[in-house]
């Protein structure tokens, strides 16, 4: 290997190690910051989002039921018109 290749490998290794250290330290600091700011606030937000997802699921069920009912009623109306 030439000295240029070794230098490139060393630079890449340094950048990779620095990235890993920065990611680990950054995540730790962010997590600590959120924990100090208000775990209660995060729990309240999570609860609000869970309720919102539940509401959206109920709406989706209603829309699915309406869609299926409309298809069935439309089919029945067409059959009724054919019978006339």
N, C-alpha and C. Protein backbone atom coordinates (compact mmCIF):
# COMPACT_ATOMS: atom_id res chain seq x y z
N UNK A 1 0.84 -1.19 0.00
CA UNK A 1 0.00 0.00 0.00
C UNK A 1 0.88 1.24 0.00
N UNK A 2 0.41 2.21 -0.71
CA UNK A 2 1.16 3.46 -0.75
C UNK A 2 0.76 4.32 0.44
N UNK A 3 1.54 5.33 0.70
CA UNK A 3 1.26 6.20 1.84
C UNK A 3 -0.03 6.99 1.63
N UNK A 4 -0.36 7.24 0.39
CA UNK A 4 -1.62 7.95 0.09
C UNK A 4 -2.83 7.12 0.45
N UNK A 5 -2.76 5.81 0.18
CA UNK A 5 -3.86 4.92 0.52
C UNK A 5 -4.00 4.79 2.03
N UNK A 6 -2.88 4.67 2.71
CA UNK A 6 -2.91 4.56 4.18
C UNK A 6 -3.50 5.84 4.77
N UNK A 7 -3.11 6.98 4.24
CA UNK A 7 -3.64 8.25 4.73
C UNK A 7 -5.15 8.32 4.52
N UNK A 8 -5.62 7.87 3.38
CA UNK A 8 -7.06 7.89 3.11
C UNK A 8 -7.80 6.97 4.08
N UNK A 9 -7.24 5.79 4.34
CA UNK A 9 -7.87 4.85 5.27
C UNK A 9 -7.91 5.44 6.67
N UNK A 10 -6.83 6.08 7.10
CA UNK A 10 -6.79 6.69 8.44
C UNK A 10 -7.82 7.81 8.53
N UNK A 11 -7.94 8.63 7.51
CA UNK A 11 -8.91 9.73 7.53
C UNK A 11 -10.33 9.18 7.60
N UNK A 12 -10.63 8.17 6.81
CA UNK A 12 -11.96 7.57 6.84
C UNK A 12 -12.24 6.97 8.21
N UNK A 13 -11.28 6.30 8.79
CA UNK A 13 -11.46 5.71 10.12
C UNK A 13 -11.73 6.79 11.17
N UNK A 14 -10.98 7.88 11.11
CA UNK A 14 -11.17 8.97 12.07
C UNK A 14 -12.57 9.57 11.92
N UNK A 15 -13.01 9.78 10.70
CA UNK A 15 -14.34 10.34 10.46
C UNK A 15 -15.42 9.39 10.98
N UNK A 16 -15.24 8.10 10.74
CA UNK A 16 -16.23 7.12 11.21
C UNK A 16 -16.30 7.09 12.73
N UNK A 17 -15.16 7.06 13.39
CA UNK A 17 -15.13 7.05 14.85
C UNK A 17 -15.76 8.33 15.40
N UNK A 18 -15.42 9.45 14.81
CA UNK A 18 -15.98 10.73 15.27
C UNK A 18 -17.50 10.75 15.08
N UNK A 19 -17.98 10.20 13.98
CA UNK A 19 -19.42 10.16 13.72
C UNK A 19 -20.14 9.30 14.76
N UNK A 20 -19.56 8.16 15.07
CA UNK A 20 -20.16 7.28 16.07
C UNK A 20 -20.20 7.96 17.43
N UNK A 21 -19.10 8.56 17.82
CA UNK A 21 -19.04 9.24 19.12
C UNK A 21 -20.05 10.38 19.16
N UNK A 22 -20.11 11.15 18.08
CA UNK A 22 -21.06 12.28 18.03
C UNK A 22 -22.50 11.78 18.12
N UNK A 23 -22.80 10.69 17.44
CA UNK A 23 -24.16 10.14 17.47
C UNK A 23 -24.51 9.65 18.86
N UNK A 24 -23.60 8.95 19.51
CA UNK A 24 -23.88 8.42 20.85
C UNK A 24 -24.04 9.56 21.84
N UNK A 25 -23.14 10.51 21.83
CA UNK A 25 -23.22 11.64 22.76
C UNK A 25 -24.43 12.50 22.45
N UNK A 26 -24.72 12.73 21.19
CA UNK A 26 -25.86 13.56 20.80
C UNK A 26 -27.18 12.95 21.25
N UNK A 27 -27.34 11.64 21.07
CA UNK A 27 -28.56 10.97 21.49
C UNK A 27 -28.69 11.04 23.00
N UNK A 28 -27.60 10.83 23.70
CA UNK A 28 -27.64 10.90 25.16
C UNK A 28 -28.04 12.28 25.65
N UNK A 29 -27.51 13.31 25.04
CA UNK A 29 -27.83 14.68 25.45
C UNK A 29 -29.29 14.99 25.14
N UNK A 30 -29.76 14.62 23.96
CA UNK A 30 -31.16 14.89 23.61
C UNK A 30 -32.10 14.15 24.53
N UNK A 31 -31.80 12.89 24.80
CA UNK A 31 -32.67 12.11 25.68
C UNK A 31 -32.69 12.73 27.07
N UNK A 32 -31.53 13.12 27.56
CA UNK A 32 -31.44 13.73 28.89
C UNK A 32 -32.21 15.05 28.92
N UNK A 33 -32.10 15.83 27.87
CA UNK A 33 -32.79 17.11 27.79
C UNK A 33 -34.30 16.91 27.83
N UNK A 34 -34.80 15.94 27.06
CA UNK A 34 -36.24 15.67 27.06
C UNK A 34 -36.70 15.15 28.41
N UNK A 35 -35.90 14.32 29.04
CA UNK A 35 -36.27 13.77 30.34
C UNK A 35 -36.36 14.88 31.38
N UNK A 36 -35.44 15.84 31.29
CA UNK A 36 -35.46 16.94 32.26
C UNK A 36 -36.59 17.92 31.98
N UNK A 37 -36.92 18.12 30.71
CA UNK A 37 -37.94 19.10 30.35
C UNK A 37 -39.33 18.71 30.79
N UNK A 38 -39.62 17.48 30.73
CA UNK A 38 -40.94 17.10 31.18
C UNK A 38 -41.38 15.77 30.61
N UNK A 39 -41.14 14.75 31.38
CA UNK A 39 -41.62 13.45 30.97
C UNK A 39 -43.15 13.44 30.98
N UNK A 40 -43.73 14.23 31.88
CA UNK A 40 -45.20 14.32 31.94
C UNK A 40 -45.76 14.90 30.64
N UNK A 41 -45.08 15.88 30.11
CA UNK A 41 -45.52 16.50 28.86
C UNK A 41 -45.49 15.49 27.72
N UNK A 42 -44.45 14.68 27.68
CA UNK A 42 -44.34 13.66 26.63
C UNK A 42 -45.42 12.60 26.81
N UNK A 43 -45.69 12.22 28.05
CA UNK A 43 -46.73 11.23 28.29
C UNK A 43 -48.10 11.78 27.90
N UNK A 44 -48.34 13.04 28.20
CA UNK A 44 -49.61 13.66 27.81
C UNK A 44 -49.75 13.71 26.29
N UNK A 45 -48.67 14.05 25.62
CA UNK A 45 -48.69 14.09 24.16
C UNK A 45 -48.93 12.69 23.58
N UNK A 46 -48.28 11.70 24.16
CA UNK A 46 -48.49 10.32 23.71
C UNK A 46 -49.94 9.90 23.91
N UNK A 47 -50.51 10.25 25.03
CA UNK A 47 -51.91 9.91 25.30
C UNK A 47 -52.84 10.60 24.30
N UNK A 48 -52.56 11.88 24.03
CA UNK A 48 -53.37 12.62 23.06
C UNK A 48 -53.29 11.97 21.69
N UNK A 49 -52.09 11.57 21.29
CA UNK A 49 -51.92 10.95 19.99
C UNK A 49 -52.59 9.58 19.93
N UNK A 50 -52.55 8.84 21.02
CA UNK A 50 -53.24 7.54 21.06
C UNK A 50 -54.74 7.73 20.89
N UNK A 51 -55.28 8.72 21.57
CA UNK A 51 -56.71 9.00 21.45
C UNK A 51 -57.06 9.42 20.02
N UNK A 52 -56.20 10.23 19.44
CA UNK A 52 -56.45 10.68 18.07
C UNK A 52 -56.40 9.50 17.09
N UNK A 53 -55.45 8.60 17.28
CA UNK A 53 -55.38 7.41 16.42
C UNK A 53 -56.63 6.56 16.61
N UNK A 54 -57.09 6.41 17.85
CA UNK A 54 -58.31 5.65 18.10
C UNK A 54 -59.51 6.27 17.39
N UNK A 55 -59.62 7.60 17.47
CA UNK A 55 -60.71 8.30 16.77
C UNK A 55 -60.64 8.08 15.26
N UNK A 56 -59.44 8.16 14.72
CA UNK A 56 -59.27 7.96 13.27
C UNK A 56 -59.61 6.53 12.87
N UNK A 57 -59.27 5.57 13.73
CA UNK A 57 -59.62 4.18 13.42
C UNK A 57 -61.14 4.00 13.41
N UNK A 58 -61.81 4.63 14.35
CA UNK A 58 -63.28 4.54 14.37
C UNK A 58 -63.88 5.18 13.12
N UNK A 59 -63.34 6.32 12.72
CA UNK A 59 -63.84 6.97 11.50
C UNK A 59 -63.63 6.08 10.28
N UNK A 60 -62.47 5.44 10.23
CA UNK A 60 -62.18 4.55 9.11
C UNK A 60 -63.17 3.38 9.08
N UNK A 61 -63.49 2.83 10.23
CA UNK A 61 -64.47 1.74 10.29
C UNK A 61 -65.82 2.21 9.76
N UNK A 62 -66.23 3.41 10.15
CA UNK A 62 -67.51 3.95 9.69
C UNK A 62 -67.48 4.14 8.17
N UNK A 63 -66.39 4.70 7.66
CA UNK A 63 -66.29 4.90 6.21
C UNK A 63 -66.30 3.57 5.46
N UNK A 64 -65.63 2.57 6.01
CA UNK A 64 -65.64 1.25 5.37
C UNK A 64 -67.06 0.68 5.37
N UNK A 65 -67.74 0.83 6.48
CA UNK A 65 -69.11 0.31 6.57
C UNK A 65 -70.03 1.03 5.58
N UNK A 66 -69.89 2.36 5.48
CA UNK A 66 -70.71 3.13 4.55
C UNK A 66 -70.43 2.68 3.12
N UNK A 67 -69.16 2.50 2.80
CA UNK A 67 -68.79 2.08 1.45
C UNK A 67 -69.39 0.72 1.12
N UNK A 68 -69.29 -0.22 2.03
CA UNK A 68 -69.83 -1.55 1.79
C UNK A 68 -71.36 -1.48 1.70
N UNK A 69 -71.98 -0.72 2.59
CA UNK A 69 -73.44 -0.59 2.56
C UNK A 69 -73.91 0.03 1.25
N UNK A 70 -73.20 1.05 0.79
CA UNK A 70 -73.59 1.70 -0.47
C UNK A 70 -73.49 0.72 -1.63
N UNK A 71 -72.43 -0.07 -1.65
CA UNK A 71 -72.27 -1.05 -2.72
C UNK A 71 -73.42 -2.04 -2.70
N UNK A 72 -73.77 -2.50 -1.51
CA UNK A 72 -74.85 -3.47 -1.39
C UNK A 72 -76.20 -2.84 -1.75
N UNK A 73 -76.44 -1.63 -1.28
CA UNK A 73 -77.73 -0.99 -1.56
C UNK A 73 -77.84 -0.65 -3.05
N UNK A 74 -76.73 -0.24 -3.65
CA UNK A 74 -76.73 0.06 -5.08
C UNK A 74 -77.03 -1.22 -5.86
N UNK A 75 -76.44 -2.30 -5.46
CA UNK A 75 -76.68 -3.58 -6.12
C UNK A 75 -78.15 -3.98 -5.99
N UNK A 76 -78.69 -3.77 -4.78
CA UNK A 76 -80.11 -4.11 -4.56
C UNK A 76 -81.02 -3.23 -5.41
N UNK A 77 -80.71 -1.96 -5.52
CA UNK A 77 -81.53 -1.06 -6.32
C UNK A 77 -81.49 -1.44 -7.80
N UNK A 78 -80.31 -1.83 -8.28
CA UNK A 78 -80.21 -2.25 -9.68
C UNK A 78 -81.02 -3.52 -9.91
N UNK A 79 -80.93 -4.45 -8.97
CA UNK A 79 -81.71 -5.69 -9.09
C UNK A 79 -83.22 -5.39 -9.06
N UNK A 80 -83.63 -4.46 -8.21
CA UNK A 80 -85.04 -4.09 -8.13
C UNK A 80 -85.52 -3.47 -9.43
N UNK A 81 -84.68 -2.65 -10.06
CA UNK A 81 -85.05 -2.04 -11.33
C UNK A 81 -85.14 -3.10 -12.44
N UNK A 82 -84.31 -4.09 -12.39
CA UNK A 82 -84.35 -5.16 -13.40
C UNK A 82 -85.64 -5.97 -13.27
N UNK A 83 -86.09 -6.15 -12.02
CA UNK A 83 -87.28 -6.96 -11.77
C UNK A 83 -88.55 -6.29 -12.26
N UNK A 84 -88.53 -5.02 -12.47
CA UNK A 84 -89.76 -4.30 -12.88
C UNK A 84 -90.16 -4.61 -14.26
